[in-house]
Amino acid sequence: MSAPHDAPTVSQLLEAVRAWIASDAEPNPFHARVAANMLAIVERELAVGEQQAVAHRARLDQLGVDDDTELAAAIRSGGLDDRIDEVRTLVWASVKDKLAVANPKYLDRAEP
C-alpha cells in the first residue's frame, strides 16, 4: 500500500528518540521539546495513519496512478492536464493529511 507520509517513518522517529534518550542522560529543554514533538507525530500517525493510507490509495486510484512517483511523473509530463482541478483537489487532500500528522497547527493557516 502506498504510504501517505514521507520520511521519517514511525519506526525512524521512535529509533531517533530511543537513541537520543540512551545517549543524552541530561537533556536540555530544546532537546526535550524535539523529542516530545517526535513522539506526538508518532502518536498522531498511529491514530490516523491507516485511515489516511486507505484514503491516499483511493486518491491515487482515482487518478489512475500506482504511487506518488508515478503521479509526479504524470503531472510533469502533462498527462493529467485535462484533469488539473481534480489533481489539485486530490493532492491538496494528501497535503492536509500530512499536515494533520506532522504539524496540525498549520492546518488552519493552510490554503490551496
PDB file of N, CA and C in Angstrom:
ATOM      1  N   MET A   1       0.848  -1.176   0.000  1.00  0.00           N
ATOM      2  CA  MET A   1       0.000   0.000   0.000  1.00  0.00           C
ATOM      3  C   MET A   1       0.894   1.239   0.000  1.00  0.00           C
ATOM      4  N   SER A   2       0.514   2.230  -0.738  1.00  0.00           N
ATOM      5  CA  SER A   2       1.265   3.466  -0.820  1.00  0.00           C
ATOM      6  C   SER A   2       1.050   4.289   0.446  1.00  0.00           C
ATOM      7  N   ALA A   3       2.125   4.584   1.142  1.00  0.00           N
ATOM      8  CA  ALA A   3       2.026   5.331   2.396  1.00  0.00           C
ATOM      9  C   ALA A   3       1.810   6.819   2.121  1.00  0.00           C
ATOM     10  N   PRO A   4       0.917   7.442   2.856  1.00  0.00           N
ATOM     11  CA  PRO A   4       0.689   8.859   2.615  1.00  0.00           C
ATOM     12  C   PRO A   4       1.744   9.758   3.239  1.00  0.00           C
ATOM     13  N   HIS A   5       2.549   9.232   4.143  1.00  0.00           N
ATOM     14  CA  HIS A   5       3.519  10.069   4.849  1.00  0.00           C
ATOM     15  C   HIS A   5       4.930   9.803   4.359  1.00  0.00           C
ATOM     16  N   ASP A   6       5.701  10.849   4.354  1.00  0.00           N
ATOM     17  CA  ASP A   6       7.081  10.785   3.901  1.00  0.00           C
ATOM     18  C   ASP A   6       7.988  10.415   5.070  1.00  0.00           C
ATOM     19  N   ALA A   7       9.267  10.331   4.782  1.00  0.00           N
ATOM     20  CA  ALA A   7      10.252  10.084   5.829  1.00  0.00           C
ATOM     21  C   ALA A   7      10.307  11.312   6.731  1.00  0.00           C
ATOM     22  N   PRO A   8      10.564  11.123   7.988  1.00  0.00           N
ATOM     23  CA  PRO A   8      10.887   9.869   8.645  1.00  0.00           C
ATOM     24  C   PRO A   8       9.638   9.056   8.954  1.00  0.00           C
ATOM     25  N   THR A   9       9.824   7.753   8.954  1.00  0.00           N
ATOM     26  CA  THR A   9       8.726   6.843   9.266  1.00  0.00           C
ATOM     27  C   THR A   9       8.526   6.792  10.781  1.00  0.00           C
ATOM     28  N   VAL A  10       7.434   6.180  11.187  1.00  0.00           N
ATOM     29  CA  VAL A  10       7.179   5.997  12.615  1.00  0.00           C
ATOM     30  C   VAL A  10       8.345   5.262  13.259  1.00  0.00           C
ATOM     31  N   SER A  11       8.814   4.218  12.620  1.00  0.00           N
ATOM     32  CA  SER A  11       9.943   3.452  13.167  1.00  0.00           C
ATOM     33  C   SER A  11      11.196   4.314  13.298  1.00  0.00           C
ATOM     34  N   GLN A  12      11.475   5.141  12.282  1.00  0.00           N
ATOM     35  CA  GLN A  12      12.646   6.012  12.334  1.00  0.00           C
ATOM     36  C   GLN A  12      12.526   7.049  13.452  1.00  0.00           C
ATOM     37  N   LEU A  13      11.329   7.594  13.638  1.00  0.00           N
ATOM     38  CA  LEU A  13      11.127   8.562  14.715  1.00  0.00           C
ATOM     39  C   LEU A  13      11.334   7.917  16.082  1.00  0.00           C
ATOM     40  N   LEU A  14      10.760   6.743  16.265  1.00  0.00           N
ATOM     41  CA  LEU A  14      10.922   6.052  17.545  1.00  0.00           C
ATOM     42  C   LEU A  14      12.388   5.699  17.809  1.00  0.00           C
ATOM     43  N   GLU A  15      13.081   5.247  16.787  1.00  0.00           N
ATOM     44  CA  GLU A  15      14.504   4.909  16.938  1.00  0.00           C
ATOM     45  C   GLU A  15      15.312   6.150  17.295  1.00  0.00           C
ATOM     46  N   ALA A  16      15.011   7.283  16.666  1.00  0.00           N
ATOM     47  CA  ALA A  16      15.744   8.517  16.955  1.00  0.00           C
ATOM     48  C   ALA A  16      15.529   8.956  18.401  1.00  0.00           C
ATOM     49  N   VAL A  17      14.302   8.885  18.866  1.00  0.00           N
ATOM     50  CA  VAL A  17      14.019   9.260  20.261  1.00  0.00           C
ATOM     51  C   VAL A  17      14.699   8.289  21.210  1.00  0.00           C
ATOM     52  N   ARG A  18      14.604   6.992  20.910  1.00  0.00           N
ATOM     53  CA  ARG A  18      15.250   5.994  21.772  1.00  0.00           C
ATOM     54  C   ARG A  18      16.754   6.225  21.851  1.00  0.00           C
ATOM     55  N   ALA A  19      17.386   6.453  20.695  1.00  0.00           N
ATOM     56  CA  ALA A  19      18.830   6.678  20.662  1.00  0.00           C
ATOM     57  C   ALA A  19      19.209   7.946  21.422  1.00  0.00           C
ATOM     58  N   TRP A  20      18.411   8.977  21.260  1.00  0.00           N
ATOM     59  CA  TRP A  20      18.700  10.236  21.956  1.00  0.00           C
ATOM     60  C   TRP A  20      18.599  10.048  23.461  1.00  0.00           C
ATOM     61  N   ILE A  21      17.536   9.381  23.910  1.00  0.00           N
ATOM     62  CA  ILE A  21      17.359   9.153  25.345  1.00  0.00           C
ATOM     63  C   ILE A  21      18.514   8.312  25.887  1.00  0.00           C
ATOM     64  N   ALA A  22      18.938   7.304  25.127  1.00  0.00           N
ATOM     65  CA  ALA A  22      20.029   6.438  25.570  1.00  0.00           C
ATOM     66  C   ALA A  22      21.365   7.169  25.623  1.00  0.00           C
ATOM     67  N   SER A  23      21.566   8.150  24.752  1.00  0.00           N
ATOM     68  CA  SER A  23      22.880   8.806  24.678  1.00  0.00           C
ATOM     69  C   SER A  23      22.961  10.115  25.450  1.00  0.00           C
ATOM     70  N   ASP A  24      21.833  10.695  25.815  1.00  0.00           N
ATOM     71  CA  ASP A  24      21.842  12.018  26.441  1.00  0.00           C
ATOM     72  C   ASP A  24      21.175  11.935  27.810  1.00  0.00           C
ATOM     73  N   ALA A  25      21.995  11.624  28.819  1.00  0.00           N
ATOM     74  CA  ALA A  25      21.452  11.430  30.159  1.00  0.00           C
ATOM     75  C   ALA A  25      20.917  12.727  30.765  1.00  0.00           C
ATOM     76  N   GLU A  26      21.421  13.871  30.322  1.00  0.00           N
ATOM     77  CA  GLU A  26      20.969  15.157  30.845  1.00  0.00           C
ATOM     78  C   GLU A  26      20.436  16.014  29.701  1.00  0.00           C
ATOM     79  N   PRO A  27      19.199  15.770  29.295  1.00  0.00           N
ATOM     80  CA  PRO A  27      18.648  16.512  28.154  1.00  0.00           C
ATOM     81  C   PRO A  27      18.448  17.990  28.473  1.00  0.00           C
ATOM     82  N   ASN A  28      18.671  18.811  27.464  1.00  0.00           N
ATOM     83  CA  ASN A  28      18.358  20.222  27.660  1.00  0.00           C
ATOM     84  C   ASN A  28      16.917  20.451  27.225  1.00  0.00           C
ATOM     85  N   PRO A  29      16.332  21.574  27.598  1.00  0.00           N
ATOM     86  CA  PRO A  29      14.909  21.808  27.288  1.00  0.00           C
ATOM     87  C   PRO A  29      14.586  21.745  25.793  1.00  0.00           C
ATOM     88  N   PHE A  30      15.470  22.242  24.935  1.00  0.00           N
ATOM     89  CA  PHE A  30      15.217  22.195  23.494  1.00  0.00           C
ATOM     90  C   PHE A  30      15.140  20.751  23.020  1.00  0.00           C
ATOM     91  N   HIS A  31      16.106  19.922  23.431  1.00  0.00           N
ATOM     92  CA  HIS A  31      16.104  18.522  23.024  1.00  0.00           C
ATOM     93  C   HIS A  31      14.858  17.801  23.537  1.00  0.00           C
ATOM     94  N   ALA A  32      14.443  18.140  24.737  1.00  0.00           N
ATOM     95  CA  ALA A  32      13.230  17.516  25.282  1.00  0.00           C
ATOM     96  C   ALA A  32      12.007  17.896  24.450  1.00  0.00           C
ATOM     97  N   ARG A  33      11.912  19.156  23.998  1.00  0.00           N
ATOM     98  CA  ARG A  33      10.789  19.574  23.153  1.00  0.00           C
ATOM     99  C   ARG A  33      10.825  18.862  21.807  1.00  0.00           C
ATOM    100  N   VAL A  34      12.019  18.713  21.230  1.00  0.00           N
ATOM    101  CA  VAL A  34      12.150  17.999  19.953  1.00  0.00           C
ATOM    102  C   VAL A  34      11.675  16.556  20.123  1.00  0.00           C
ATOM    103  N   ALA A  35      12.122  15.903  21.180  1.00  0.00           N
ATOM    104  CA  ALA A  35      11.714  14.511  21.425  1.00  0.00           C
ATOM    105  C   ALA A  35      10.206  14.421  21.638  1.00  0.00           C
ATOM    106  N   ALA A  36       9.654  15.355  22.396  1.00  0.00           N
ATOM    107  CA  ALA A  36       8.210  15.352  22.631  1.00  0.00           C
ATOM    108  C   ALA A  36       7.450  15.548  21.320  1.00  0.00           C
ATOM    109  N   ASN A  37       7.934  16.432  20.460  1.00  0.00           N
ATOM    110  CA  ASN A  37       7.294  16.647  19.158  1.00  0.00           C
ATOM    111  C   ASN A  37       7.364  15.391  18.295  1.00  0.00           C
ATOM    112  N   MET A  38       8.500  14.711  18.312  1.00  0.00           N
ATOM    113  CA  MET A  38       8.637  13.488  17.533  1.00  0.00           C
ATOM    114  C   MET A  38       7.644  12.436  18.012  1.00  0.00           C
ATOM    115  N   LEU A  39       7.502  12.310  19.318  1.00  0.00           N
ATOM    116  CA  LEU A  39       6.563  11.329  19.859  1.00  0.00           C
ATOM    117  C   LEU A  39       5.115  11.715  19.552  1.00  0.00           C
ATOM    118  N   ALA A  40       4.811  12.999  19.526  1.00  0.00           N
ATOM    119  CA  ALA A  40       3.458  13.442  19.168  1.00  0.00           C
ATOM    120  C   ALA A  40       3.142  13.099  17.715  1.00  0.00           C
ATOM    121  N   ILE A  41       4.126  13.246  16.828  1.00  0.00           N
ATOM    122  CA  ILE A  41       3.944  12.859  15.424  1.00  0.00           C
ATOM    123  C   ILE A  41       3.642  11.365  15.339  1.00  0.00           C
ATOM    124  N   VAL A  42       4.405  10.578  16.064  1.00  0.00           N
ATOM    125  CA  VAL A  42       4.190   9.127  16.069  1.00  0.00           C
ATOM    126  C   VAL A  42       2.785   8.810  16.566  1.00  0.00           C
ATOM    127  N   GLU A  43       2.362   9.443  17.652  1.00  0.00           N
ATOM    128  CA  GLU A  43       1.022   9.190  18.181  1.00  0.00           C
ATOM    129  C   GLU A  43      -0.060   9.524  17.157  1.00  0.00           C
ATOM    130  N   ARG A  44       0.089  10.674  16.490  1.00  0.00           N
ATOM    131  CA  ARG A  44      -0.917  11.070  15.503  1.00  0.00           C
ATOM    132  C   ARG A  44      -0.930  10.114  14.313  1.00  0.00           C
ATOM    133  N   GLU A  45       0.259   9.716  13.858  1.00  0.00           N
ATOM    134  CA  GLU A  45       0.295   8.789  12.721  1.00  0.00           C
ATOM    135  C   GLU A  45      -0.280   7.428  13.091  1.00  0.00           C
ATOM    136  N   LEU A  46      -0.010   6.969  14.284  1.00  0.00           N
ATOM    137  CA  LEU A  46      -0.587   5.694  14.720  1.00  0.00           C
ATOM    138  C   LEU A  46      -2.112   5.793  14.826  1.00  0.00           C
ATOM    139  N   ALA A  47      -2.616   6.955  15.209  1.00  0.00           N
ATOM    140  CA  ALA A  47      -4.055   7.136  15.378  1.00  0.00           C
ATOM    141  C   ALA A  47      -4.801   7.196  14.048  1.00  0.00           C
ATOM    142  N   VAL A  48      -4.201   7.837  13.042  1.00  0.00           N
ATOM    143  CA  VAL A  48      -4.939   8.059  11.781  1.00  0.00           C
ATOM    144  C   VAL A  48      -4.225   7.531  10.548  1.00  0.00           C
ATOM    145  N   GLY A  49      -3.030   7.031  10.703  1.00  0.00           N
ATOM    146  CA  GLY A  49      -2.224   6.624   9.557  1.00  0.00           C
ATOM    147  C   GLY A  49      -2.855   5.583   8.660  1.00  0.00           C
ATOM    148  N   GLU A  50      -3.493   4.588   9.255  1.00  0.00           N
ATOM    149  CA  GLU A  50      -4.107   3.533   8.439  1.00  0.00           C
ATOM    150  C   GLU A  50      -5.265   4.092   7.612  1.00  0.00           C
ATOM    151  N   GLN A  51      -6.104   4.913   8.241  1.00  0.00           N
ATOM    152  CA  GLN A  51      -7.215   5.541   7.509  1.00  0.00           C
ATOM    153  C   GLN A  51      -6.681   6.439   6.397  1.00  0.00           C
ATOM    154  N   GLN A  52      -5.636   7.187   6.699  1.00  0.00           N
ATOM    155  CA  GLN A  52      -5.051   8.075   5.692  1.00  0.00           C
ATOM    156  C   GLN A  52      -4.434   7.280   4.552  1.00  0.00           C
ATOM    157  N   ALA A  53      -3.825   6.153   4.857  1.00  0.00           N
ATOM    158  CA  ALA A  53      -3.238   5.322   3.805  1.00  0.00           C
ATOM    159  C   ALA A  53      -4.310   4.803   2.852  1.00  0.00           C
ATOM    160  N   VAL A  54      -5.450   4.391   3.401  1.00  0.00           N
ATOM    161  CA  VAL A  54      -6.554   3.920   2.567  1.00  0.00           C
ATOM    162  C   VAL A  54      -7.074   5.064   1.697  1.00  0.00           C
ATOM    163  N   ALA A  55      -7.238   6.241   2.286  1.00  0.00           N
ATOM    164  CA  ALA A  55      -7.728   7.402   1.527  1.00  0.00           C
ATOM    165  C   ALA A  55      -6.720   7.810   0.453  1.00  0.00           C
ATOM    166  N   HIS A  56      -5.433   7.748   0.787  1.00  0.00           N
ATOM    167  CA  HIS A  56      -4.387   8.105  -0.184  1.00  0.00           C
ATOM    168  C   HIS A  56      -4.400   7.140  -1.369  1.00  0.00           C
ATOM    169  N   ARG A  57      -4.527   5.852  -1.056  1.00  0.00           N
ATOM    170  CA  ARG A  57      -4.592   4.835  -2.111  1.00  0.00           C
ATOM    171  C   ARG A  57      -5.794   5.098  -3.020  1.00  0.00           C
ATOM    172  N   ALA A  58      -6.926   5.448  -2.437  1.00  0.00           N
ATOM    173  CA  ALA A  58      -8.130   5.724  -3.230  1.00  0.00           C
ATOM    174  C   ALA A  58      -7.911   6.941  -4.130  1.00  0.00           C
ATOM    175  N   ARG A  59      -7.220   7.959  -3.620  1.00  0.00           N
ATOM    176  CA  ARG A  59      -6.941   9.143  -4.452  1.00  0.00           C
ATOM    177  C   ARG A  59      -6.028   8.788  -5.615  1.00  0.00           C
ATOM    178  N   LEU A  60      -4.994   8.002  -5.346  1.00  0.00           N
ATOM    179  CA  LEU A  60      -4.097   7.578  -6.420  1.00  0.00           C
ATOM    180  C   LEU A  60      -4.850   6.748  -7.455  1.00  0.00           C
ATOM    181  N   ASP A  61      -5.705   5.839  -6.985  1.00  0.00           N
ATOM    182  CA  ASP A  61      -6.510   5.019  -7.899  1.00  0.00           C
ATOM    183  C   ASP A  61      -7.422   5.891  -8.753  1.00  0.00           C
ATOM    184  N   GLN A  62      -8.023   6.903  -8.137  1.00  0.00           N
ATOM    185  CA  GLN A  62      -8.920   7.797  -8.872  1.00  0.00           C
ATOM    186  C   GLN A  62      -8.181   8.501 -10.009  1.00  0.00           C
ATOM    187  N   LEU A  63      -6.899   8.788  -9.785  1.00  0.00           N
ATOM    188  CA  LEU A  63      -6.099   9.445 -10.822  1.00  0.00           C
ATOM    189  C   LEU A  63      -5.437   8.437 -11.761  1.00  0.00           C
ATOM    190  N   GLY A  64      -5.555   7.152 -11.449  1.00  0.00           N
ATOM    191  CA  GLY A  64      -5.015   6.125 -12.322  1.00  0.00           C
ATOM    192  C   GLY A  64      -3.515   5.960 -12.248  1.00  0.00           C
ATOM    193  N   VAL A  65      -2.947   6.218 -11.061  1.00  0.00           N
ATOM    194  CA  VAL A  65      -1.503   6.056 -10.885  1.00  0.00           C
ATOM    195  C   VAL A  65      -1.243   5.092  -9.730  1.00  0.00           C
ATOM    196  N   ASP A  66      -0.060   4.470  -9.750  1.00  0.00           N
ATOM    197  CA  ASP A  66       0.269   3.477  -8.734  1.00  0.00           C
ATOM    198  C   ASP A  66       0.823   4.065  -7.445  1.00  0.00           C
ATOM    199  N   ASP A  67       1.542   5.182  -7.556  1.00  0.00           N
ATOM    200  CA  ASP A  67       2.174   5.749  -6.371  1.00  0.00           C
ATOM    201  C   ASP A  67       2.474   7.229  -6.605  1.00  0.00           C
ATOM    202  N   ASP A  68       3.053   7.877  -5.600  1.00  0.00           N
ATOM    203  CA  ASP A  68       3.350   9.307  -5.690  1.00  0.00           C
ATOM    204  C   ASP A  68       4.374   9.619  -6.782  1.00  0.00           C
ATOM    205  N   THR A  69       5.312   8.707  -6.994  1.00  0.00           N
ATOM    206  CA  THR A  69       6.318   8.912  -8.037  1.00  0.00           C
ATOM    207  C   THR A  69       5.653   8.941  -9.412  1.00  0.00           C
ATOM    208  N   GLU A  70       4.740   8.013  -9.643  1.00  0.00           N
ATOM    209  CA  GLU A  70       4.030   7.985 -10.920  1.00  0.00           C
ATOM    210  C   GLU A  70       3.119   9.212 -11.065  1.00  0.00           C
ATOM    211  N   LEU A  71       2.516   9.645  -9.971  1.00  0.00           N
ATOM    212  CA  LEU A  71       1.686  10.851 -10.002  1.00  0.00           C
ATOM    213  C   LEU A  71       2.534  12.064 -10.378  1.00  0.00           C
ATOM    214  N   ALA A  72       3.688  12.203  -9.752  1.00  0.00           N
ATOM    215  CA  ALA A  72       4.569  13.329 -10.063  1.00  0.00           C
ATOM    216  C   ALA A  72       4.995  13.294 -11.530  1.00  0.00           C
ATOM    217  N   ALA A  73       5.323  12.111 -12.035  1.00  0.00           N
ATOM    218  CA  ALA A  73       5.720  11.989 -13.441  1.00  0.00           C
ATOM    219  C   ALA A  73       4.567  12.375 -14.367  1.00  0.00           C
ATOM    220  N   ALA A  74       3.351  11.954 -14.028  1.00  0.00           N
ATOM    221  CA  ALA A  74       2.187  12.287 -14.852  1.00  0.00           C
ATOM    222  C   ALA A  74       1.912  13.788 -14.839  1.00  0.00           C
ATOM    223  N   ILE A  75       2.105  14.411 -13.700  1.00  0.00           N
ATOM    224  CA  ILE A  75       1.922  15.864 -13.612  1.00  0.00           C
ATOM    225  C   ILE A  75       2.986  16.575 -14.447  1.00  0.00           C
ATOM    226  N   ARG A  76       4.253  16.147 -14.281  1.00  0.00           N
ATOM    227  CA  ARG A  76       5.352  16.777 -15.038  1.00  0.00           C
ATOM    228  C   ARG A  76       5.182  16.620 -16.544  1.00  0.00           C
ATOM    229  N   SER A  77       4.710  15.473 -16.976  1.00  0.00           N
ATOM    230  CA  SER A  77       4.600  15.207 -18.414  1.00  0.00           C
ATOM    231  C   SER A  77       3.358  15.852 -19.031  1.00  0.00           C
ATOM    232  N   GLY A  78       2.468  16.357 -18.185  1.00  0.00           N
ATOM    233  CA  GLY A  78       1.230  16.936 -18.698  1.00  0.00           C
ATOM    234  C   GLY A  78       0.139  15.905 -18.898  1.00  0.00           C
ATOM    235  N   GLY A  79       0.383  14.678 -18.473  1.00  0.00           N
ATOM    236  CA  GLY A  79      -0.576  13.599 -18.678  1.00  0.00           C
ATOM    237  C   GLY A  79      -1.889  13.774 -17.933  1.00  0.00           C
ATOM    238  N   LEU A  80      -1.912  14.647 -16.948  1.00  0.00           N
ATOM    239  CA  LEU A  80      -3.139  14.881 -16.196  1.00  0.00           C
ATOM    240  C   LEU A  80      -3.648  16.315 -16.358  1.00  0.00           C
ATOM    241  N   ASP A  81      -3.115  17.029 -17.350  1.00  0.00           N
ATOM    242  CA  ASP A  81      -3.511  18.433 -17.537  1.00  0.00           C
ATOM    243  C   ASP A  81      -5.010  18.594 -17.755  1.00  0.00           C
ATOM    244  N   ASP A  82      -5.628  17.625 -18.384  1.00  0.00           N
ATOM    245  CA  ASP A  82      -7.069  17.723 -18.646  1.00  0.00           C
ATOM    246  C   ASP A  82      -7.900  17.461 -17.386  1.00  0.00           C
ATOM    247  N   ARG A  83      -7.225  17.078 -16.292  1.00  0.00           N
ATOM    248  CA  ARG A  83      -7.902  16.795 -15.021  1.00  0.00           C
ATOM    249  C   ARG A  83      -7.293  17.635 -13.890  1.00  0.00           C
ATOM    250  N   ILE A  84      -6.750  18.801 -14.248  1.00  0.00           N
ATOM    251  CA  ILE A  84      -5.953  19.575 -13.294  1.00  0.00           C
ATOM    252  C   ILE A  84      -6.734  19.949 -12.039  1.00  0.00           C
ATOM    253  N   ASP A  85      -8.012  20.293 -12.164  1.00  0.00           N
ATOM    254  CA  ASP A  85      -8.793  20.635 -10.966  1.00  0.00           C
ATOM    255  C   ASP A  85      -8.930  19.434 -10.037  1.00  0.00           C
ATOM    256  N   GLU A  86      -9.142  18.266 -10.615  1.00  0.00           N
ATOM    257  CA  GLU A  86      -9.233  17.039  -9.827  1.00  0.00           C
ATOM    258  C   GLU A  86      -7.894  16.730  -9.167  1.00  0.00           C
ATOM    259  N   VAL A  87      -6.808  16.899  -9.919  1.00  0.00           N
ATOM    260  CA  VAL A  87      -5.462  16.666  -9.372  1.00  0.00           C
ATOM    261  C   VAL A  87      -5.227  17.590  -8.185  1.00  0.00           C
ATOM    262  N   ARG A  88      -5.532  18.874  -8.346  1.00  0.00           N
ATOM    263  CA  ARG A  88      -5.332  19.841  -7.248  1.00  0.00           C
ATOM    264  C   ARG A  88      -6.119  19.435  -6.010  1.00  0.00           C
ATOM    265  N   THR A  89      -7.365  19.054  -6.203  1.00  0.00           N
ATOM    266  CA  THR A  89      -8.215  18.672  -5.069  1.00  0.00           C
ATOM    267  C   THR A  89      -7.645  17.456  -4.358  1.00  0.00           C
ATOM    268  N   LEU A  90      -7.241  16.453  -5.119  1.00  0.00           N
ATOM    269  CA  LEU A  90      -6.732  15.222  -4.519  1.00  0.00           C
ATOM    270  C   LEU A  90      -5.359  15.414  -3.883  1.00  0.00           C
ATOM    271  N   VAL A  91      -4.493  16.185  -4.516  1.00  0.00           N
ATOM    272  CA  VAL A  91      -3.173  16.454  -3.934  1.00  0.00           C
ATOM    273  C   VAL A  91      -3.338  17.291  -2.665  1.00  0.00           C
ATOM    274  N   TRP A  92      -4.247  18.271  -2.702  1.00  0.00           N
ATOM    275  CA  TRP A  92      -4.477  19.095  -1.521  1.00  0.00           C
ATOM    276  C   TRP A  92      -4.970  18.228  -0.355  1.00  0.00           C
ATOM    277  N   ALA A  93      -5.818  17.241  -0.619  1.00  0.00           N
ATOM    278  CA  ALA A  93      -6.279  16.336   0.432  1.00  0.00           C
ATOM    279  C   ALA A  93      -5.100  15.574   1.050  1.00  0.00           C
ATOM    280  N   SER A  94      -4.153  15.172   0.216  1.00  0.00           N
ATOM    281  CA  SER A  94      -2.968  14.478   0.729  1.00  0.00           C
ATOM    282  C   SER A  94      -2.099  15.409   1.563  1.00  0.00           C
ATOM    283  N   VAL A  95      -1.959  16.645   1.127  1.00  0.00           N
ATOM    284  CA  VAL A  95      -1.171  17.628   1.891  1.00  0.00           C
ATOM    285  C   VAL A  95      -1.815  17.853   3.260  1.00  0.00           C
ATOM    286  N   LYS A  96      -3.135  17.992   3.299  1.00  0.00           N
ATOM    287  CA  LYS A  96      -3.818  18.190   4.577  1.00  0.00           C
ATOM    288  C   LYS A  96      -3.642  16.984   5.491  1.00  0.00           C
ATOM    289  N   ASP A  97      -3.659  15.777   4.934  1.00  0.00           N
ATOM    290  CA  ASP A  97      -3.415  14.585   5.744  1.00  0.00           C
ATOM    291  C   ASP A  97      -2.009  14.618   6.346  1.00  0.00           C
ATOM    292  N   LYS A  98      -1.033  15.011   5.541  1.00  0.00           N
ATOM    293  CA  LYS A  98       0.342  15.084   6.037  1.00  0.00           C
ATOM    294  C   LYS A  98       0.456  16.121   7.152  1.00  0.00           C
ATOM    295  N   LEU A  99      -0.151  17.284   6.955  1.00  0.00           N
ATOM    296  CA  LEU A  99      -0.114  18.318   7.986  1.00  0.00           C
ATOM    297  C   LEU A  99      -0.813  17.869   9.267  1.00  0.00           C
ATOM    298  N   ALA A 100      -1.910  17.140   9.128  1.00  0.00           N
ATOM    299  CA  ALA A 100      -2.649  16.676  10.298  1.00  0.00           C
ATOM    300  C   ALA A 100      -1.775  15.806  11.199  1.00  0.00           C
ATOM    301  N   VAL A 101      -0.811  15.139  10.612  1.00  0.00           N
ATOM    302  CA  VAL A 101       0.099  14.294  11.385  1.00  0.00           C
ATOM    303  C   VAL A 101       1.364  15.064  11.764  1.00  0.00           C
ATOM    304  N   ALA A 102       1.991  15.716  10.807  1.00  0.00           N
ATOM    305  CA  ALA A 102       3.284  16.351  11.047  1.00  0.00           C
ATOM    306  C   ALA A 102       3.176  17.587  11.935  1.00  0.00           C
ATOM    307  N   ASN A 103       2.172  18.433  11.680  1.00  0.00           N
ATOM    308  CA  ASN A 103       2.044  19.662  12.455  1.00  0.00           C
ATOM    309  C   ASN A 103       0.652  20.244  12.267  1.00  0.00           C
ATOM    310  N   PRO A 104      -0.329  19.733  12.999  1.00  0.00           N
ATOM    311  CA  PRO A 104      -1.719  20.132  12.774  1.00  0.00           C
ATOM    312  C   PRO A 104      -2.006  21.607  13.022  1.00  0.00           C
ATOM    313  N   LYS A 105      -1.151  22.302  13.754  1.00  0.00           N
ATOM    314  CA  LYS A 105      -1.430  23.728  13.997  1.00  0.00           C
ATOM    315  C   LYS A 105      -1.378  24.536  12.698  1.00  0.00           C
ATOM    316  N   TYR A 106      -0.752  23.988  11.658  1.00  0.00           N
ATOM    317  CA  TYR A 106      -0.684  24.692  10.380  1.00  0.00           C
ATOM    318  C   TYR A 106      -1.901  24.447   9.496  1.00  0.00           C
ATOM    319  N   LEU A 107      -2.765  23.521   9.870  1.00  0.00           N
ATOM    320  CA  LEU A 107      -3.930  23.220   9.043  1.00  0.00           C
ATOM    321  C   LEU A 107      -4.838  24.418   8.863  1.00  0.00           C
ATOM    322  N   ASP A 108      -5.070  25.181   9.917  1.00  0.00           N
ATOM    323  CA  ASP A 108      -5.982  26.315   9.791  1.00  0.00           C
ATOM    324  C   ASP A 108      -5.363  27.483   9.042  1.00  0.00           C
ATOM    325  N   ARG A 109      -4.052  27.476   8.867  1.00  0.00           N
ATOM    326  CA  ARG A 109      -3.378  28.510   8.078  1.00  0.00           C
ATOM    327  C   ARG A 109      -3.220  28.112   6.623  1.00  0.00           C
ATOM    328  N   ALA A 110      -3.360  26.825   6.352  1.00  0.00           N
ATOM    329  CA  ALA A 110      -3.086  26.296   5.011  1.00  0.00           C
ATOM    330  C   ALA A 110      -4.276  26.534   4.072  1.00  0.00           C
ATOM    331  N   GLU A 111      -3.973  27.023   2.935  1.00  0.00           N
ATOM    332  CA  GLU A 111      -4.983  27.231   1.880  1.00  0.00           C
ATOM    333  C   GLU A 111      -4.410  26.697   0.578  1.00  0.00           C
ATOM    334  N   PRO A 112      -5.241  26.088  -0.234  1.00  0.00           N
ATOM    335  CA  PRO A 112      -4.715  25.563  -1.504  1.00  0.00           C
ATOM    336  C   PRO A 112      -4.321  26.671  -2.456  1.00  0.00           C
TER     337      PRO A 112
END
